[in-house]
């Protein structure tokens, strides 16, 4: 069973914390000394709970129960995405055909390089020099293969750039004689 949650980074959203469990009770506790920020990440981050589903597999339950401190995602001013793993469960990330890499605990890690990787790769892809780059980052909890829990985030600006500039992948077959006839008929009746 794979639980999936999609998060879209919009211009209004600069930081979020993905977590599992209860949040409201701890958020309302007085935090004069900043203990909340140290334990759960920035209080100003948008709090996004992972879906609470019936957990058939004990492994999934164990992984999610150890996701209570969460995973903080931040969109920087130059459109890079950083991740900060606070939770106890192992978290791996990948983008496109990249092999999953483990996120170390309490270490801010760049997981999406917009200007240094995505933009040049998109340009090279349009010129036919390489495959199209991915505008998504996949996080897997527990195992690198995503067999327990998978979280996919989409970099909205990168996706928009990809859609505007198109792709060098040929998504359609070459026209045949019937396609040419259909085009001629459409032009006659337009």
N, C-alpha and C. Protein backbone atom coordinates (compact mmCIF):
# COMPACT_ATOMS: atom_id res chain seq x y z
N UNK A 1 0.85 -1.19 0.00
CA UNK A 1 0.00 0.00 0.00
C UNK A 1 0.89 1.24 0.00
N UNK A 2 0.60 2.15 -0.89
CA UNK A 2 1.38 3.38 -0.98
C UNK A 2 0.45 4.55 -0.72
N UNK A 3 0.76 5.35 0.28
CA UNK A 3 0.00 6.57 0.54
C UNK A 3 0.69 7.69 -0.22
N UNK A 4 -0.06 8.53 -0.90
CA UNK A 4 0.54 9.60 -1.67
C UNK A 4 -0.12 10.92 -1.31
N UNK A 5 0.70 11.96 -1.20
CA UNK A 5 0.21 13.30 -0.89
C UNK A 5 0.94 14.25 -1.81
N UNK A 6 0.24 15.12 -2.53
CA UNK A 6 0.88 16.07 -3.43
C UNK A 6 0.86 17.46 -2.83
N UNK A 7 1.99 18.13 -2.90
CA UNK A 7 2.13 19.50 -2.41
C UNK A 7 2.59 20.35 -3.58
N UNK A 8 1.91 21.44 -3.85
CA UNK A 8 2.29 22.34 -4.94
C UNK A 8 2.88 23.59 -4.33
N UNK A 9 4.13 23.91 -4.69
CA UNK A 9 4.74 25.15 -4.23
C UNK A 9 4.20 26.27 -5.11
N UNK A 10 3.48 27.17 -4.53
CA UNK A 10 2.97 28.34 -5.24
C UNK A 10 3.78 29.55 -4.79
N UNK A 11 3.60 30.68 -5.44
CA UNK A 11 4.32 31.89 -5.05
C UNK A 11 4.02 32.28 -3.61
N UNK A 12 2.80 32.01 -3.13
CA UNK A 12 2.43 32.40 -1.78
C UNK A 12 3.03 31.47 -0.72
N UNK A 13 3.38 30.27 -1.10
CA UNK A 13 3.87 29.30 -0.14
C UNK A 13 5.38 29.19 -0.25
N UNK A 14 6.09 29.60 0.78
CA UNK A 14 7.56 29.56 0.79
C UNK A 14 8.10 28.45 1.67
N UNK A 15 7.31 28.01 2.66
CA UNK A 15 7.79 26.99 3.58
C UNK A 15 6.61 26.19 4.10
N UNK A 16 6.81 24.87 4.16
CA UNK A 16 5.77 24.03 4.74
C UNK A 16 6.43 22.89 5.50
N UNK A 17 5.65 22.32 6.40
CA UNK A 17 6.11 21.17 7.18
C UNK A 17 5.12 20.04 6.97
N UNK A 18 5.59 18.93 6.41
CA UNK A 18 4.79 17.74 6.23
C UNK A 18 4.99 16.87 7.46
N UNK A 19 3.91 16.40 8.04
CA UNK A 19 4.02 15.62 9.27
C UNK A 19 2.86 14.65 9.36
N UNK A 20 2.95 13.75 10.32
CA UNK A 20 1.87 12.83 10.60
C UNK A 20 1.59 12.88 12.09
N UNK A 21 0.35 12.91 12.46
CA UNK A 21 -0.01 12.91 13.87
C UNK A 21 -0.78 14.15 14.25
N UNK A 22 -0.65 14.54 15.51
CA UNK A 22 -1.40 15.66 16.06
C UNK A 22 -0.53 16.89 16.10
N UNK A 23 -1.12 18.02 15.72
CA UNK A 23 -0.36 19.26 15.67
C UNK A 23 -1.02 20.37 16.48
N UNK A 24 -2.33 20.48 16.40
CA UNK A 24 -3.04 21.60 17.02
C UNK A 24 -2.74 21.75 18.50
N UNK A 25 -2.68 20.63 19.19
CA UNK A 25 -2.45 20.69 20.64
C UNK A 25 -1.08 21.27 20.98
N UNK A 26 -0.06 20.89 20.24
CA UNK A 26 1.28 21.39 20.57
C UNK A 26 1.50 22.80 20.05
N UNK A 27 0.80 23.18 18.99
CA UNK A 27 1.00 24.50 18.42
C UNK A 27 0.50 25.60 19.36
N UNK A 28 -0.53 25.30 20.13
CA UNK A 28 -1.12 26.32 20.99
C UNK A 28 -0.40 26.50 22.33
N UNK A 29 0.60 25.67 22.58
CA UNK A 29 1.37 25.80 23.83
C UNK A 29 2.27 27.03 23.73
N UNK A 30 2.38 27.78 24.86
CA UNK A 30 3.27 28.95 24.87
C UNK A 30 4.68 28.52 24.50
N UNK A 31 5.33 29.30 23.67
CA UNK A 31 6.64 28.94 23.16
C UNK A 31 7.59 30.12 23.30
N UNK A 32 7.71 30.62 24.50
CA UNK A 32 8.50 31.83 24.72
C UNK A 32 9.97 31.66 24.40
N UNK A 33 10.52 30.49 24.56
CA UNK A 33 11.94 30.31 24.37
C UNK A 33 12.28 29.69 23.02
N UNK A 34 11.33 29.54 22.15
CA UNK A 34 11.61 29.00 20.82
C UNK A 34 11.80 27.50 20.76
N UNK A 35 11.34 26.80 21.79
CA UNK A 35 11.50 25.35 21.81
C UNK A 35 10.75 24.71 20.64
N UNK A 36 9.58 25.26 20.31
CA UNK A 36 8.80 24.71 19.20
C UNK A 36 9.62 24.74 17.92
N UNK A 37 10.24 25.90 17.64
CA UNK A 37 11.03 26.03 16.41
C UNK A 37 12.17 25.03 16.36
N UNK A 38 12.79 24.77 17.48
CA UNK A 38 13.91 23.84 17.52
C UNK A 38 13.45 22.40 17.31
N UNK A 39 12.30 22.06 17.84
CA UNK A 39 11.83 20.68 17.78
C UNK A 39 11.04 20.38 16.50
N UNK A 40 10.13 21.28 16.13
CA UNK A 40 9.23 21.03 15.02
C UNK A 40 9.49 21.89 13.79
N UNK A 41 10.51 22.71 13.82
CA UNK A 41 10.78 23.59 12.69
C UNK A 41 10.04 24.90 12.84
N UNK A 42 10.19 25.80 11.86
CA UNK A 42 9.59 27.13 11.96
C UNK A 42 8.07 27.09 12.15
N UNK A 43 7.60 27.76 13.17
CA UNK A 43 6.15 27.81 13.44
C UNK A 43 5.41 28.53 12.31
N UNK A 44 6.12 29.39 11.57
CA UNK A 44 5.50 30.14 10.48
C UNK A 44 5.26 29.27 9.24
N UNK A 45 5.86 28.09 9.19
CA UNK A 45 5.68 27.20 8.04
C UNK A 45 4.24 26.70 8.01
N UNK A 46 3.71 26.58 6.80
CA UNK A 46 2.37 26.01 6.67
C UNK A 46 2.43 24.55 7.09
N UNK A 47 1.52 24.14 7.95
CA UNK A 47 1.51 22.79 8.49
C UNK A 47 0.60 21.91 7.63
N UNK A 48 1.18 20.88 7.02
CA UNK A 48 0.43 20.01 6.12
C UNK A 48 0.48 18.58 6.65
N UNK A 49 -0.65 18.09 7.18
CA UNK A 49 -0.64 16.72 7.70
C UNK A 49 -0.72 15.70 6.57
N UNK A 50 -0.01 14.60 6.74
CA UNK A 50 -0.15 13.49 5.79
C UNK A 50 -1.51 12.85 6.04
N UNK A 51 -2.10 12.29 5.01
CA UNK A 51 -3.45 11.71 5.17
C UNK A 51 -3.48 10.65 6.25
N UNK A 52 -4.55 10.68 7.02
CA UNK A 52 -4.73 9.70 8.07
C UNK A 52 -5.60 8.59 7.51
N UNK A 53 -4.96 7.50 7.12
CA UNK A 53 -5.68 6.38 6.52
C UNK A 53 -5.60 5.18 7.45
N UNK A 54 -6.48 4.22 7.20
CA UNK A 54 -6.36 2.96 7.93
C UNK A 54 -5.07 2.31 7.49
N UNK A 55 -4.26 1.95 8.45
CA UNK A 55 -2.95 1.40 8.14
C UNK A 55 -2.98 -0.12 8.27
N UNK A 56 -2.96 -0.78 7.12
CA UNK A 56 -3.01 -2.24 7.10
C UNK A 56 -1.66 -2.86 7.47
N UNK A 57 -0.59 -2.22 7.03
CA UNK A 57 0.74 -2.78 7.25
C UNK A 57 1.39 -2.15 8.48
N UNK A 58 1.91 -2.97 9.37
CA UNK A 58 2.58 -2.43 10.57
C UNK A 58 3.78 -1.56 10.22
N UNK A 59 4.46 -1.86 9.09
CA UNK A 59 5.63 -1.07 8.68
C UNK A 59 5.21 0.36 8.36
N UNK A 60 4.10 0.52 7.64
CA UNK A 60 3.62 1.86 7.29
C UNK A 60 3.26 2.63 8.56
N UNK A 61 2.57 1.95 9.46
CA UNK A 61 2.19 2.60 10.72
C UNK A 61 3.43 3.05 11.48
N UNK A 62 4.45 2.20 11.55
CA UNK A 62 5.68 2.55 12.27
C UNK A 62 6.38 3.74 11.62
N UNK A 63 6.44 3.74 10.29
CA UNK A 63 7.09 4.86 9.58
C UNK A 63 6.33 6.16 9.84
N UNK A 64 5.01 6.13 9.69
CA UNK A 64 4.23 7.36 9.87
C UNK A 64 4.26 7.86 11.31
N UNK A 65 4.21 6.96 12.27
CA UNK A 65 4.26 7.38 13.67
C UNK A 65 5.59 8.08 13.99
N UNK A 66 6.63 7.78 13.24
CA UNK A 66 7.92 8.42 13.43
C UNK A 66 8.10 9.63 12.52
N UNK A 67 7.01 10.09 11.92
CA UNK A 67 7.00 11.27 11.06
C UNK A 67 6.44 12.47 11.81
N UNK A 68 6.26 12.36 13.14
CA UNK A 68 5.58 13.42 13.90
C UNK A 68 6.34 14.74 13.90
N UNK A 69 7.66 14.73 13.91
CA UNK A 69 8.40 16.01 13.86
C UNK A 69 8.42 16.57 12.44
N UNK A 70 8.26 15.73 11.46
CA UNK A 70 8.03 16.18 10.11
C UNK A 70 9.23 16.39 9.22
N UNK A 71 8.90 16.87 8.03
CA UNK A 71 9.85 17.21 6.98
C UNK A 71 9.52 18.63 6.55
N UNK A 72 10.47 19.55 6.71
CA UNK A 72 10.26 20.96 6.36
C UNK A 72 10.78 21.19 4.95
N UNK A 73 9.94 21.77 4.10
CA UNK A 73 10.31 22.10 2.73
C UNK A 73 10.29 23.61 2.58
N UNK A 74 11.32 24.15 1.92
CA UNK A 74 11.42 25.59 1.75
C UNK A 74 11.76 25.93 0.31
N UNK A 75 11.04 26.89 -0.24
CA UNK A 75 11.31 27.41 -1.59
C UNK A 75 12.11 28.69 -1.41
N UNK A 76 13.36 28.69 -1.89
CA UNK A 76 14.23 29.85 -1.70
C UNK A 76 13.88 30.95 -2.71
N UNK A 77 14.47 32.11 -2.50
CA UNK A 77 14.23 33.25 -3.40
C UNK A 77 14.64 32.94 -4.84
N UNK A 78 15.68 32.11 -5.01
CA UNK A 78 16.12 31.78 -6.37
C UNK A 78 15.46 30.50 -6.89
N UNK A 79 14.37 30.08 -6.26
CA UNK A 79 13.48 28.99 -6.68
C UNK A 79 14.04 27.60 -6.47
N UNK A 80 15.08 27.46 -5.67
CA UNK A 80 15.55 26.14 -5.28
C UNK A 80 14.67 25.62 -4.16
N UNK A 81 14.57 24.30 -4.03
CA UNK A 81 13.81 23.70 -2.94
C UNK A 81 14.79 23.00 -2.00
N UNK A 82 14.63 23.31 -0.72
CA UNK A 82 15.45 22.72 0.33
C UNK A 82 14.56 21.87 1.23
N UNK A 83 15.13 20.80 1.77
CA UNK A 83 14.41 19.93 2.70
C UNK A 83 15.20 19.82 3.99
N UNK A 84 14.47 19.80 5.10
CA UNK A 84 15.06 19.62 6.42
C UNK A 84 14.31 18.48 7.10
N UNK A 85 14.98 17.35 7.28
CA UNK A 85 14.36 16.19 7.90
C UNK A 85 14.51 16.29 9.42
N UNK A 86 13.37 16.44 10.10
CA UNK A 86 13.36 16.47 11.56
C UNK A 86 12.88 15.14 12.13
N UNK A 87 12.13 14.39 11.34
CA UNK A 87 11.51 13.15 11.81
C UNK A 87 12.53 12.03 11.99
N UNK A 88 12.10 11.00 12.71
CA UNK A 88 12.96 9.84 12.95
C UNK A 88 12.95 8.86 11.79
N UNK A 89 11.85 8.80 11.02
CA UNK A 89 11.82 7.83 9.93
C UNK A 89 12.80 8.25 8.84
N UNK A 90 13.35 7.25 8.17
CA UNK A 90 14.29 7.53 7.08
C UNK A 90 13.54 8.15 5.92
N UNK A 91 14.14 9.18 5.32
CA UNK A 91 13.54 9.87 4.17
C UNK A 91 14.56 9.88 3.05
N UNK A 92 14.11 9.50 1.85
CA UNK A 92 14.95 9.52 0.66
C UNK A 92 14.30 10.45 -0.35
N UNK A 93 15.11 11.08 -1.21
CA UNK A 93 14.57 11.96 -2.23
C UNK A 93 15.22 11.66 -3.57
N UNK A 94 14.47 11.95 -4.64
CA UNK A 94 14.99 11.80 -5.99
C UNK A 94 14.17 12.71 -6.91
N UNK A 95 14.76 12.96 -8.08
CA UNK A 95 14.07 13.76 -9.09
C UNK A 95 14.42 13.16 -10.45
N UNK A 96 13.40 12.93 -11.25
CA UNK A 96 13.64 12.33 -12.56
C UNK A 96 14.21 10.94 -12.43
N UNK A 97 15.29 10.66 -13.17
CA UNK A 97 15.90 9.33 -13.15
C UNK A 97 17.00 9.20 -12.10
N UNK A 98 17.16 10.22 -11.29
CA UNK A 98 18.19 10.23 -10.24
C UNK A 98 17.92 9.12 -9.22
N UNK A 99 18.98 8.47 -8.77
CA UNK A 99 18.85 7.45 -7.72
C UNK A 99 18.45 8.12 -6.40
N UNK A 100 17.60 7.46 -5.61
CA UNK A 100 17.21 8.05 -4.32
C UNK A 100 18.42 8.28 -3.41
N UNK A 101 18.41 9.43 -2.75
CA UNK A 101 19.47 9.79 -1.81
C UNK A 101 18.83 9.99 -0.44
N UNK A 102 19.55 9.57 0.60
CA UNK A 102 19.03 9.68 1.95
C UNK A 102 19.21 11.11 2.46
N UNK A 103 18.15 11.64 3.08
CA UNK A 103 18.24 12.94 3.76
C UNK A 103 18.77 12.69 5.16
N UNK A 104 19.80 13.42 5.54
CA UNK A 104 20.33 13.31 6.89
C UNK A 104 19.43 14.12 7.83
N UNK A 105 19.34 13.71 9.06
CA UNK A 105 18.51 14.43 10.04
C UNK A 105 19.11 15.78 10.36
N UNK A 106 18.20 16.76 10.49
CA UNK A 106 18.53 18.11 10.94
C UNK A 106 19.63 18.77 10.11
N UNK A 107 19.67 18.42 8.82
CA UNK A 107 20.61 19.02 7.88
C UNK A 107 19.82 19.55 6.69
N UNK A 108 19.89 20.84 6.44
CA UNK A 108 19.17 21.44 5.32
C UNK A 108 19.87 21.02 4.02
N UNK A 109 19.09 20.42 3.11
CA UNK A 109 19.63 19.84 1.89
C UNK A 109 18.88 20.39 0.67
N UNK A 110 19.63 20.80 -0.35
CA UNK A 110 18.99 21.24 -1.60
C UNK A 110 18.53 20.00 -2.36
N UNK A 111 17.22 19.90 -2.60
CA UNK A 111 16.66 18.74 -3.28
C UNK A 111 16.19 19.06 -4.70
N UNK A 112 16.11 20.36 -5.04
CA UNK A 112 15.74 20.78 -6.39
C UNK A 112 16.54 22.03 -6.72
N UNK A 113 17.41 21.93 -7.71
CA UNK A 113 18.27 23.04 -8.13
C UNK A 113 17.67 23.67 -9.38
N UNK A 114 16.93 24.74 -9.19
CA UNK A 114 16.20 25.35 -10.31
C UNK A 114 17.16 25.98 -11.33
N UNK A 115 17.98 26.93 -10.89
CA UNK A 115 18.84 27.65 -11.83
C UNK A 115 20.07 26.88 -12.27
N UNK A 116 20.61 26.06 -11.39
CA UNK A 116 21.85 25.36 -11.71
C UNK A 116 21.65 24.05 -12.45
N UNK A 117 20.46 23.46 -12.34
CA UNK A 117 20.21 22.19 -13.03
C UNK A 117 18.99 22.24 -13.95
N UNK A 118 17.81 22.61 -13.40
CA UNK A 118 16.58 22.51 -14.18
C UNK A 118 16.61 23.39 -15.42
N UNK A 119 16.91 24.67 -15.27
CA UNK A 119 16.87 25.60 -16.42
C UNK A 119 17.85 25.17 -17.51
N UNK A 120 19.14 24.90 -17.19
CA UNK A 120 20.04 24.45 -18.25
C UNK A 120 19.61 23.11 -18.87
N UNK A 121 19.10 22.18 -18.04
CA UNK A 121 18.66 20.89 -18.57
C UNK A 121 17.46 21.06 -19.49
N UNK A 122 16.55 21.97 -19.15
CA UNK A 122 15.40 22.24 -20.02
C UNK A 122 15.87 22.80 -21.35
N UNK A 123 16.81 23.73 -21.31
CA UNK A 123 17.36 24.32 -22.53
C UNK A 123 18.04 23.25 -23.39
N UNK A 124 18.86 22.42 -22.76
CA UNK A 124 19.54 21.35 -23.50
C UNK A 124 18.56 20.33 -24.04
N UNK A 125 17.49 20.08 -23.31
CA UNK A 125 16.46 19.15 -23.75
C UNK A 125 15.76 19.67 -24.99
N UNK A 126 15.43 20.96 -24.98
CA UNK A 126 14.75 21.56 -26.14
C UNK A 126 15.64 21.55 -27.36
N UNK A 127 16.97 21.60 -27.15
CA UNK A 127 17.91 21.55 -28.27
C UNK A 127 18.19 20.11 -28.70
N UNK A 128 17.63 19.14 -27.96
CA UNK A 128 17.79 17.74 -28.32
C UNK A 128 19.03 17.08 -27.77
N UNK A 129 19.70 17.71 -26.81
CA UNK A 129 20.95 17.16 -26.28
C UNK A 129 20.75 16.20 -25.11
N UNK A 130 19.61 16.24 -24.44
CA UNK A 130 19.40 15.36 -23.29
C UNK A 130 17.90 15.15 -23.08
N UNK A 131 17.59 14.26 -22.15
CA UNK A 131 16.19 13.98 -21.81
C UNK A 131 15.58 15.19 -21.10
N UNK A 132 14.27 15.26 -21.09
CA UNK A 132 13.60 16.36 -20.42
C UNK A 132 13.78 16.24 -18.91
N UNK A 133 14.03 17.37 -18.24
CA UNK A 133 14.21 17.33 -16.78
C UNK A 133 12.87 17.20 -16.07
N UNK A 134 12.91 16.70 -14.86
CA UNK A 134 11.70 16.56 -14.06
C UNK A 134 11.47 17.83 -13.24
N UNK A 135 10.21 18.22 -13.10
CA UNK A 135 9.86 19.36 -12.26
C UNK A 135 9.26 18.87 -10.94
N UNK A 136 9.43 17.59 -10.65
CA UNK A 136 8.94 17.01 -9.42
C UNK A 136 10.08 16.45 -8.59
N UNK A 137 9.87 16.42 -7.29
CA UNK A 137 10.78 15.76 -6.36
C UNK A 137 9.95 14.72 -5.62
N UNK A 138 10.47 13.51 -5.57
CA UNK A 138 9.79 12.42 -4.89
C UNK A 138 10.51 12.12 -3.58
N UNK A 139 9.75 12.10 -2.51
CA UNK A 139 10.27 11.71 -1.21
C UNK A 139 9.66 10.36 -0.87
N UNK A 140 10.48 9.43 -0.39
CA UNK A 140 9.98 8.15 0.06
C UNK A 140 10.35 7.99 1.52
N UNK A 141 9.43 7.44 2.28
CA UNK A 141 9.63 7.26 3.72
C UNK A 141 9.88 5.80 4.01
N UNK A 142 10.89 5.53 4.80
CA UNK A 142 11.20 4.15 5.18
C UNK A 142 12.23 3.52 4.27
N UNK A 143 11.84 3.22 3.04
CA UNK A 143 12.71 2.57 2.07
C UNK A 143 12.92 3.48 0.87
N UNK A 144 14.09 3.37 0.20
CA UNK A 144 14.34 4.23 -0.97
C UNK A 144 13.43 3.92 -2.15
N UNK A 145 12.86 2.72 -2.22
CA UNK A 145 12.04 2.35 -3.38
C UNK A 145 10.61 2.86 -3.31
N UNK A 146 10.21 3.50 -2.22
CA UNK A 146 8.87 4.07 -2.11
C UNK A 146 7.78 3.06 -1.88
N UNK A 147 8.14 1.85 -1.42
CA UNK A 147 7.13 0.81 -1.27
C UNK A 147 6.19 1.05 -0.08
N UNK A 148 6.57 1.94 0.84
CA UNK A 148 5.71 2.21 1.99
C UNK A 148 4.93 3.50 1.82
N UNK A 149 5.62 4.62 1.81
CA UNK A 149 4.97 5.93 1.68
C UNK A 149 5.76 6.76 0.69
N UNK A 150 5.05 7.39 -0.23
CA UNK A 150 5.67 8.24 -1.24
C UNK A 150 4.99 9.60 -1.23
N UNK A 151 5.79 10.66 -1.26
CA UNK A 151 5.28 12.03 -1.31
C UNK A 151 5.90 12.68 -2.54
N UNK A 152 5.07 13.21 -3.43
CA UNK A 152 5.56 13.85 -4.64
C UNK A 152 5.23 15.34 -4.55
N UNK A 153 6.27 16.18 -4.69
CA UNK A 153 6.01 17.61 -4.74
C UNK A 153 6.33 18.11 -6.14
N UNK A 154 5.58 19.06 -6.59
CA UNK A 154 5.75 19.63 -7.93
C UNK A 154 6.19 21.08 -7.79
N UNK A 155 7.26 21.42 -8.46
CA UNK A 155 7.75 22.80 -8.51
C UNK A 155 6.90 23.51 -9.56
N UNK A 156 5.92 24.29 -9.12
CA UNK A 156 4.93 24.88 -10.02
C UNK A 156 5.56 25.78 -11.07
N UNK A 157 6.56 26.58 -10.69
CA UNK A 157 7.19 27.47 -11.67
C UNK A 157 7.96 26.66 -12.72
N UNK A 158 8.67 25.63 -12.29
CA UNK A 158 9.40 24.79 -13.24
C UNK A 158 8.42 24.07 -14.17
N UNK A 159 7.29 23.62 -13.63
CA UNK A 159 6.28 22.96 -14.46
C UNK A 159 5.73 23.94 -15.50
N UNK A 160 5.48 25.16 -15.07
CA UNK A 160 4.98 26.18 -16.00
C UNK A 160 6.01 26.46 -17.11
N UNK A 161 7.29 26.58 -16.73
CA UNK A 161 8.35 26.79 -17.73
C UNK A 161 8.38 25.63 -18.72
N UNK A 162 8.25 24.42 -18.20
CA UNK A 162 8.25 23.23 -19.03
C UNK A 162 7.07 23.27 -20.02
N UNK A 163 5.89 23.65 -19.52
CA UNK A 163 4.70 23.69 -20.37
C UNK A 163 4.79 24.81 -21.41
N UNK A 164 5.34 25.95 -21.03
CA UNK A 164 5.45 27.08 -21.96
C UNK A 164 6.42 26.76 -23.09
N UNK A 165 7.56 26.20 -22.73
CA UNK A 165 8.60 25.96 -23.72
C UNK A 165 8.47 24.62 -24.42
N UNK A 166 7.55 23.81 -23.92
CA UNK A 166 7.30 22.53 -24.57
C UNK A 166 8.35 21.49 -24.25
N UNK A 167 8.28 20.45 -24.97
CA UNK A 167 9.14 19.31 -24.75
C UNK A 167 9.63 18.83 -26.10
N UNK A 168 10.83 18.24 -26.11
CA UNK A 168 11.32 17.71 -27.37
C UNK A 168 10.80 16.29 -27.61
N UNK A 169 10.04 15.75 -26.66
CA UNK A 169 9.48 14.43 -26.84
C UNK A 169 8.34 14.51 -27.85
N UNK A 170 8.34 13.60 -28.79
CA UNK A 170 7.29 13.56 -29.80
C UNK A 170 6.11 12.81 -29.20
N UNK A 171 5.04 13.52 -28.89
CA UNK A 171 3.89 12.92 -28.22
C UNK A 171 2.86 12.39 -29.20
N UNK A 172 3.05 12.63 -30.50
CA UNK A 172 2.09 12.20 -31.51
C UNK A 172 2.81 11.43 -32.61
N UNK A 173 2.07 10.60 -33.30
CA UNK A 173 2.60 9.89 -34.46
C UNK A 173 2.70 10.85 -35.63
N UNK A 174 3.52 10.47 -36.60
CA UNK A 174 3.60 11.25 -37.83
C UNK A 174 2.25 11.13 -38.55
N UNK A 175 1.79 12.21 -39.21
CA UNK A 175 0.50 12.13 -39.90
C UNK A 175 0.56 11.14 -41.07
N UNK A 176 -0.54 10.42 -41.25
CA UNK A 176 -0.63 9.52 -42.40
C UNK A 176 -1.60 10.12 -43.41
N UNK A 177 -1.91 9.39 -44.46
CA UNK A 177 -2.77 9.91 -45.54
C UNK A 177 -4.16 10.28 -45.01
N UNK A 178 -4.71 9.48 -44.11
CA UNK A 178 -6.04 9.77 -43.57
C UNK A 178 -6.03 11.05 -42.74
N UNK A 179 -4.94 11.30 -42.01
CA UNK A 179 -4.82 12.53 -41.24
C UNK A 179 -4.81 13.74 -42.17
N UNK A 180 -4.10 13.61 -43.28
CA UNK A 180 -4.05 14.70 -44.27
C UNK A 180 -5.44 14.97 -44.84
N UNK A 181 -6.20 13.91 -45.14
CA UNK A 181 -7.57 14.06 -45.65
C UNK A 181 -8.46 14.75 -44.61
N UNK A 182 -8.33 14.32 -43.34
CA UNK A 182 -9.13 14.92 -42.29
C UNK A 182 -8.82 16.40 -42.13
N UNK A 183 -7.54 16.77 -42.23
CA UNK A 183 -7.16 18.18 -42.16
C UNK A 183 -7.76 18.96 -43.32
N UNK A 184 -7.74 18.38 -44.53
CA UNK A 184 -8.31 19.04 -45.70
C UNK A 184 -9.82 19.25 -45.51
N UNK A 185 -10.52 18.23 -44.97
CA UNK A 185 -11.96 18.36 -44.73
C UNK A 185 -12.24 19.44 -43.70
N UNK A 186 -11.45 19.48 -42.62
CA UNK A 186 -11.63 20.51 -41.60
C UNK A 186 -11.43 21.90 -42.16
N UNK A 187 -10.47 22.06 -43.05
CA UNK A 187 -10.20 23.37 -43.65
C UNK A 187 -11.33 23.80 -44.57
N UNK A 188 -11.94 22.84 -45.27
CA UNK A 188 -13.05 23.16 -46.17
C UNK A 188 -14.28 23.63 -45.40
N UNK A 189 -14.51 23.09 -44.21
CA UNK A 189 -15.70 23.43 -43.45
C UNK A 189 -15.46 24.47 -42.36
N UNK A 190 -14.23 24.99 -42.28
CA UNK A 190 -13.93 25.97 -41.25
C UNK A 190 -14.33 27.35 -41.66
